[in-house]
């Protein structure tokens, strides 16, 4: 299910505009990375600084979703701090993680 790039609202398949904010729905491209727990926080910070990321999903080795981070345009360091703290806990518990990145086309 896609998410709005502007406000993060869940969208239905095939919608042209976000029902919450009215933003046009852009196409979404998914990428997947395999990352060791030691490099998890570093990789997520790199992805967030790229700017065209709309959502980051962290999964364990079996594919179970551990954390979803909505990365809308207005995200700032104060809002991001709790997500990075949660990533630290996940990194301590998991050995290898898969990071799924959703980007706007």
N, C-alpha and C. Protein backbone atom coordinates (compact mmCIF):
# COMPACT_ATOMS: atom_id res chain seq x y z
N UNK A 1 0.84 -1.17 0.00
CA UNK A 1 0.00 0.00 0.00
C UNK A 1 0.89 1.24 0.00
N UNK A 2 0.67 2.15 -0.93
CA UNK A 2 1.51 3.35 -1.00
C UNK A 2 1.14 4.38 0.07
N UNK A 3 2.06 5.29 0.31
CA UNK A 3 1.87 6.36 1.27
C UNK A 3 2.10 7.70 0.57
N UNK A 4 1.44 8.72 1.09
CA UNK A 4 1.60 10.06 0.53
C UNK A 4 3.01 10.56 0.82
N UNK A 5 3.66 11.15 -0.18
CA UNK A 5 5.02 11.66 -0.02
C UNK A 5 5.05 12.92 0.82
N UNK A 6 3.92 13.60 0.93
CA UNK A 6 3.89 14.87 1.64
C UNK A 6 3.47 14.73 3.10
N UNK A 7 2.38 13.99 3.35
CA UNK A 7 1.86 13.91 4.72
C UNK A 7 1.99 12.53 5.34
N UNK A 8 2.30 11.49 4.56
CA UNK A 8 2.49 10.15 5.09
C UNK A 8 1.22 9.34 5.23
N UNK A 9 0.08 9.84 4.77
CA UNK A 9 -1.19 9.11 4.88
C UNK A 9 -1.18 7.87 3.98
N UNK A 10 -1.84 6.80 4.44
CA UNK A 10 -1.95 5.59 3.63
C UNK A 10 -2.90 5.85 2.48
N UNK A 11 -2.52 5.44 1.30
CA UNK A 11 -3.33 5.65 0.10
C UNK A 11 -3.80 4.33 -0.46
N UNK A 12 -4.92 4.36 -1.14
CA UNK A 12 -5.41 3.17 -1.84
C UNK A 12 -4.72 3.09 -3.19
N UNK A 13 -4.60 1.89 -3.71
CA UNK A 13 -3.98 1.68 -5.02
C UNK A 13 -4.76 2.42 -6.10
N UNK A 14 -4.07 3.09 -6.98
CA UNK A 14 -4.70 3.73 -8.11
C UNK A 14 -5.20 5.14 -7.86
N UNK A 15 -5.08 5.67 -6.64
CA UNK A 15 -5.53 7.03 -6.37
C UNK A 15 -4.57 8.02 -7.01
N UNK A 16 -5.10 9.11 -7.54
CA UNK A 16 -4.27 10.12 -8.17
C UNK A 16 -3.84 11.22 -7.21
N UNK A 17 -4.64 11.42 -6.13
CA UNK A 17 -4.36 12.48 -5.17
C UNK A 17 -4.56 11.96 -3.75
N UNK A 18 -3.82 12.51 -2.80
CA UNK A 18 -3.94 12.14 -1.39
C UNK A 18 -5.27 12.68 -0.86
N UNK A 19 -6.03 11.84 -0.16
CA UNK A 19 -7.30 12.27 0.41
C UNK A 19 -7.10 13.22 1.59
N UNK A 20 -5.95 13.19 2.24
CA UNK A 20 -5.72 14.00 3.44
C UNK A 20 -5.21 15.40 3.11
N UNK A 21 -4.24 15.50 2.21
CA UNK A 21 -3.63 16.81 1.94
C UNK A 21 -3.81 17.29 0.51
N UNK A 22 -4.28 16.42 -0.38
CA UNK A 22 -4.52 16.82 -1.76
C UNK A 22 -3.32 16.77 -2.67
N UNK A 23 -2.17 16.31 -2.17
CA UNK A 23 -0.95 16.25 -2.99
C UNK A 23 -1.11 15.19 -4.08
N UNK A 24 -0.55 15.45 -5.26
CA UNK A 24 -0.60 14.42 -6.31
C UNK A 24 0.24 13.22 -5.90
N UNK A 25 -0.26 12.05 -6.25
CA UNK A 25 0.43 10.81 -5.88
C UNK A 25 1.52 10.54 -6.90
N UNK A 26 2.74 10.45 -6.44
CA UNK A 26 3.88 10.13 -7.30
C UNK A 26 4.11 8.63 -7.28
N UNK A 27 4.75 8.14 -8.31
CA UNK A 27 5.10 6.73 -8.34
C UNK A 27 6.15 6.43 -7.27
N UNK A 28 6.16 5.19 -6.78
CA UNK A 28 7.09 4.80 -5.73
C UNK A 28 7.98 3.68 -6.23
N UNK A 29 9.27 3.82 -5.97
CA UNK A 29 10.24 2.80 -6.31
C UNK A 29 10.78 2.22 -5.01
N UNK A 30 10.84 0.90 -4.92
CA UNK A 30 11.36 0.25 -3.71
C UNK A 30 12.74 -0.32 -3.97
N UNK A 31 13.62 -0.12 -3.00
CA UNK A 31 14.96 -0.71 -3.01
C UNK A 31 15.13 -1.47 -1.71
N UNK A 32 15.94 -2.51 -1.74
CA UNK A 32 16.18 -3.29 -0.54
C UNK A 32 17.68 -3.49 -0.35
N UNK A 33 18.13 -3.26 0.90
CA UNK A 33 19.54 -3.42 1.24
C UNK A 33 19.66 -4.42 2.38
N UNK A 34 20.72 -5.19 2.37
CA UNK A 34 21.05 -6.07 3.48
C UNK A 34 22.16 -5.40 4.28
N UNK A 35 21.92 -5.20 5.57
CA UNK A 35 22.84 -4.43 6.41
C UNK A 35 23.09 -5.19 7.70
N UNK A 36 24.33 -5.15 8.17
CA UNK A 36 24.62 -5.74 9.47
C UNK A 36 24.10 -4.80 10.55
N UNK A 37 23.85 -5.31 11.73
CA UNK A 37 23.31 -4.50 12.82
C UNK A 37 24.24 -3.36 13.20
N UNK A 38 25.54 -3.56 13.04
CA UNK A 38 26.51 -2.52 13.37
C UNK A 38 26.37 -1.29 12.48
N UNK A 39 25.98 -1.49 11.23
CA UNK A 39 25.88 -0.40 10.26
C UNK A 39 24.45 0.10 10.05
N UNK A 40 23.49 -0.42 10.81
CA UNK A 40 22.08 -0.10 10.59
C UNK A 40 21.79 1.39 10.75
N UNK A 41 22.18 1.98 11.86
CA UNK A 41 21.88 3.39 12.12
C UNK A 41 22.58 4.29 11.10
N UNK A 42 23.81 3.96 10.78
CA UNK A 42 24.56 4.75 9.80
C UNK A 42 23.87 4.73 8.44
N UNK A 43 23.42 3.57 8.00
CA UNK A 43 22.75 3.44 6.71
C UNK A 43 21.43 4.21 6.69
N UNK A 44 20.65 4.14 7.76
CA UNK A 44 19.37 4.85 7.82
C UNK A 44 19.60 6.36 7.80
N UNK A 45 20.61 6.85 8.51
CA UNK A 45 20.92 8.28 8.48
C UNK A 45 21.31 8.72 7.07
N UNK A 46 22.11 7.91 6.37
CA UNK A 46 22.50 8.22 5.00
C UNK A 46 21.27 8.33 4.11
N UNK A 47 20.36 7.38 4.25
CA UNK A 47 19.17 7.37 3.41
C UNK A 47 18.28 8.59 3.68
N UNK A 48 18.15 8.96 4.94
CA UNK A 48 17.31 10.11 5.27
C UNK A 48 17.90 11.41 4.75
N UNK A 49 19.21 11.51 4.71
CA UNK A 49 19.86 12.73 4.22
C UNK A 49 19.79 12.86 2.69
N UNK A 50 19.48 11.78 1.99
CA UNK A 50 19.36 11.84 0.54
C UNK A 50 18.18 12.70 0.10
N UNK A 51 17.12 12.70 0.89
CA UNK A 51 16.02 13.62 0.64
C UNK A 51 14.85 13.10 -0.18
N UNK A 52 15.01 12.14 -1.05
CA UNK A 52 13.89 11.66 -1.86
C UNK A 52 13.27 10.38 -1.31
N UNK A 53 13.55 10.05 -0.07
CA UNK A 53 13.02 8.86 0.57
C UNK A 53 11.70 9.20 1.24
N UNK A 54 10.68 8.38 1.02
CA UNK A 54 9.38 8.62 1.65
C UNK A 54 9.12 7.69 2.83
N UNK A 55 9.72 6.52 2.84
CA UNK A 55 9.50 5.57 3.93
C UNK A 55 10.68 4.61 3.99
N UNK A 56 11.06 4.27 5.22
CA UNK A 56 12.12 3.28 5.45
C UNK A 56 11.54 2.19 6.33
N UNK A 57 11.69 0.95 5.90
CA UNK A 57 11.18 -0.20 6.64
C UNK A 57 12.37 -1.08 7.00
N UNK A 58 12.50 -1.40 8.28
CA UNK A 58 13.58 -2.27 8.76
C UNK A 58 12.97 -3.64 9.07
N UNK A 59 13.53 -4.68 8.47
CA UNK A 59 13.05 -6.05 8.67
C UNK A 59 14.18 -6.92 9.22
N UNK A 60 13.80 -8.00 9.91
CA UNK A 60 14.81 -8.94 10.38
C UNK A 60 15.13 -9.94 9.26
N UNK A 61 15.95 -10.93 9.57
CA UNK A 61 16.38 -11.91 8.57
C UNK A 61 15.22 -12.70 7.98
N UNK A 62 14.16 -12.90 8.77
CA UNK A 62 13.02 -13.69 8.32
C UNK A 62 11.97 -12.85 7.60
N UNK A 63 12.19 -11.55 7.49
CA UNK A 63 11.25 -10.69 6.79
C UNK A 63 10.21 -10.02 7.67
N UNK A 64 10.31 -10.20 8.97
CA UNK A 64 9.36 -9.58 9.90
C UNK A 64 9.70 -8.09 10.04
N UNK A 65 8.68 -7.24 9.92
CA UNK A 65 8.89 -5.79 10.02
C UNK A 65 9.17 -5.42 11.47
N UNK A 66 10.33 -4.80 11.70
CA UNK A 66 10.71 -4.37 13.05
C UNK A 66 10.39 -2.90 13.28
N UNK A 67 10.51 -2.09 12.24
CA UNK A 67 10.30 -0.65 12.39
C UNK A 67 9.99 -0.04 11.03
N UNK A 68 8.99 0.88 11.01
CA UNK A 68 8.67 1.66 9.82
C UNK A 68 8.87 3.12 10.16
N UNK A 69 9.66 3.80 9.35
CA UNK A 69 9.93 5.22 9.58
C UNK A 69 9.36 6.02 8.42
N UNK A 70 8.31 6.82 8.67
CA UNK A 70 7.84 7.70 7.61
C UNK A 70 8.80 8.86 7.47
N UNK A 71 9.30 9.09 6.28
CA UNK A 71 10.29 10.16 6.07
C UNK A 71 9.68 11.23 5.19
N UNK A 72 8.70 11.94 5.71
CA UNK A 72 8.05 13.00 4.94
C UNK A 72 8.97 14.21 4.88
N UNK A 73 8.61 15.18 4.07
CA UNK A 73 9.46 16.34 3.82
C UNK A 73 9.76 17.11 5.10
N UNK A 74 8.82 17.21 6.01
CA UNK A 74 9.01 18.05 7.19
C UNK A 74 9.73 17.40 8.35
N UNK A 75 10.36 16.25 8.14
CA UNK A 75 11.01 15.57 9.26
C UNK A 75 12.28 16.31 9.67
N UNK A 76 12.45 16.51 10.96
CA UNK A 76 13.62 17.22 11.48
C UNK A 76 14.26 16.39 12.57
N UNK A 77 15.41 16.82 13.06
CA UNK A 77 16.17 16.06 14.04
C UNK A 77 15.42 15.73 15.31
N UNK A 78 14.62 16.65 15.82
CA UNK A 78 13.87 16.41 17.07
C UNK A 78 12.86 15.29 16.88
N UNK A 79 12.21 15.26 15.73
CA UNK A 79 11.24 14.22 15.43
C UNK A 79 11.93 12.90 15.15
N UNK A 80 13.11 12.97 14.59
CA UNK A 80 13.86 11.79 14.19
C UNK A 80 14.54 11.08 15.37
N UNK A 81 14.83 11.78 16.45
CA UNK A 81 15.56 11.21 17.58
C UNK A 81 14.92 9.95 18.16
N UNK A 82 13.60 9.90 18.40
CA UNK A 82 13.02 8.65 18.93
C UNK A 82 13.16 7.47 17.97
N UNK A 83 13.07 7.73 16.65
CA UNK A 83 13.23 6.66 15.68
C UNK A 83 14.65 6.09 15.73
N UNK A 84 15.64 6.96 15.86
CA UNK A 84 17.03 6.49 15.91
C UNK A 84 17.31 5.73 17.21
N UNK A 85 16.66 6.13 18.30
CA UNK A 85 16.80 5.38 19.56
C UNK A 85 16.22 3.98 19.40
N UNK A 86 15.08 3.88 18.74
CA UNK A 86 14.47 2.57 18.48
C UNK A 86 15.37 1.73 17.58
N UNK A 87 16.01 2.36 16.61
CA UNK A 87 16.94 1.64 15.75
C UNK A 87 18.12 1.08 16.54
N UNK A 88 18.58 1.83 17.55
CA UNK A 88 19.66 1.35 18.40
C UNK A 88 19.28 0.08 19.13
N UNK A 89 18.05 0.01 19.61
CA UNK A 89 17.56 -1.20 20.30
C UNK A 89 17.48 -2.36 19.32
N UNK A 90 16.97 -2.10 18.12
CA UNK A 90 16.87 -3.15 17.10
C UNK A 90 18.25 -3.66 16.73
N UNK A 91 19.20 -2.75 16.58
CA UNK A 91 20.57 -3.14 16.23
C UNK A 91 21.18 -4.02 17.31
N UNK A 92 20.81 -3.78 18.56
CA UNK A 92 21.34 -4.59 19.65
C UNK A 92 20.74 -6.00 19.65
N UNK A 93 19.52 -6.15 19.15
CA UNK A 93 18.83 -7.43 19.19
C UNK A 93 19.03 -8.27 17.93
N UNK A 94 19.18 -7.63 16.80
CA UNK A 94 19.28 -8.35 15.53
C UNK A 94 20.74 -8.46 15.09
N UNK A 95 21.02 -9.46 14.28
CA UNK A 95 22.37 -9.61 13.76
C UNK A 95 22.46 -9.03 12.35
N UNK A 96 21.52 -9.37 11.50
CA UNK A 96 21.45 -8.83 10.15
C UNK A 96 20.06 -8.29 9.91
N UNK A 97 19.97 -7.20 9.20
CA UNK A 97 18.69 -6.58 8.91
C UNK A 97 18.57 -6.31 7.42
N UNK A 98 17.34 -6.23 6.96
CA UNK A 98 17.07 -5.79 5.60
C UNK A 98 16.38 -4.44 5.69
N UNK A 99 16.86 -3.49 4.93
CA UNK A 99 16.28 -2.15 4.92
C UNK A 99 15.59 -1.97 3.58
N UNK A 100 14.27 -1.73 3.61
CA UNK A 100 13.50 -1.47 2.41
C UNK A 100 13.27 0.04 2.35
N UNK A 101 13.61 0.63 1.23
CA UNK A 101 13.50 2.08 1.05
C UNK A 101 12.48 2.36 -0.05
N UNK A 102 11.51 3.22 0.25
CA UNK A 102 10.55 3.66 -0.76
C UNK A 102 10.95 5.07 -1.17
N UNK A 103 11.10 5.28 -2.48
CA UNK A 103 11.50 6.60 -3.01
C UNK A 103 10.45 7.06 -4.01
N UNK A 104 10.34 8.40 -4.13
CA UNK A 104 9.47 8.98 -5.15
C UNK A 104 10.15 8.87 -6.50
N UNK A 105 9.35 8.65 -7.53
CA UNK A 105 9.89 8.62 -8.89
C UNK A 105 10.20 10.02 -9.36
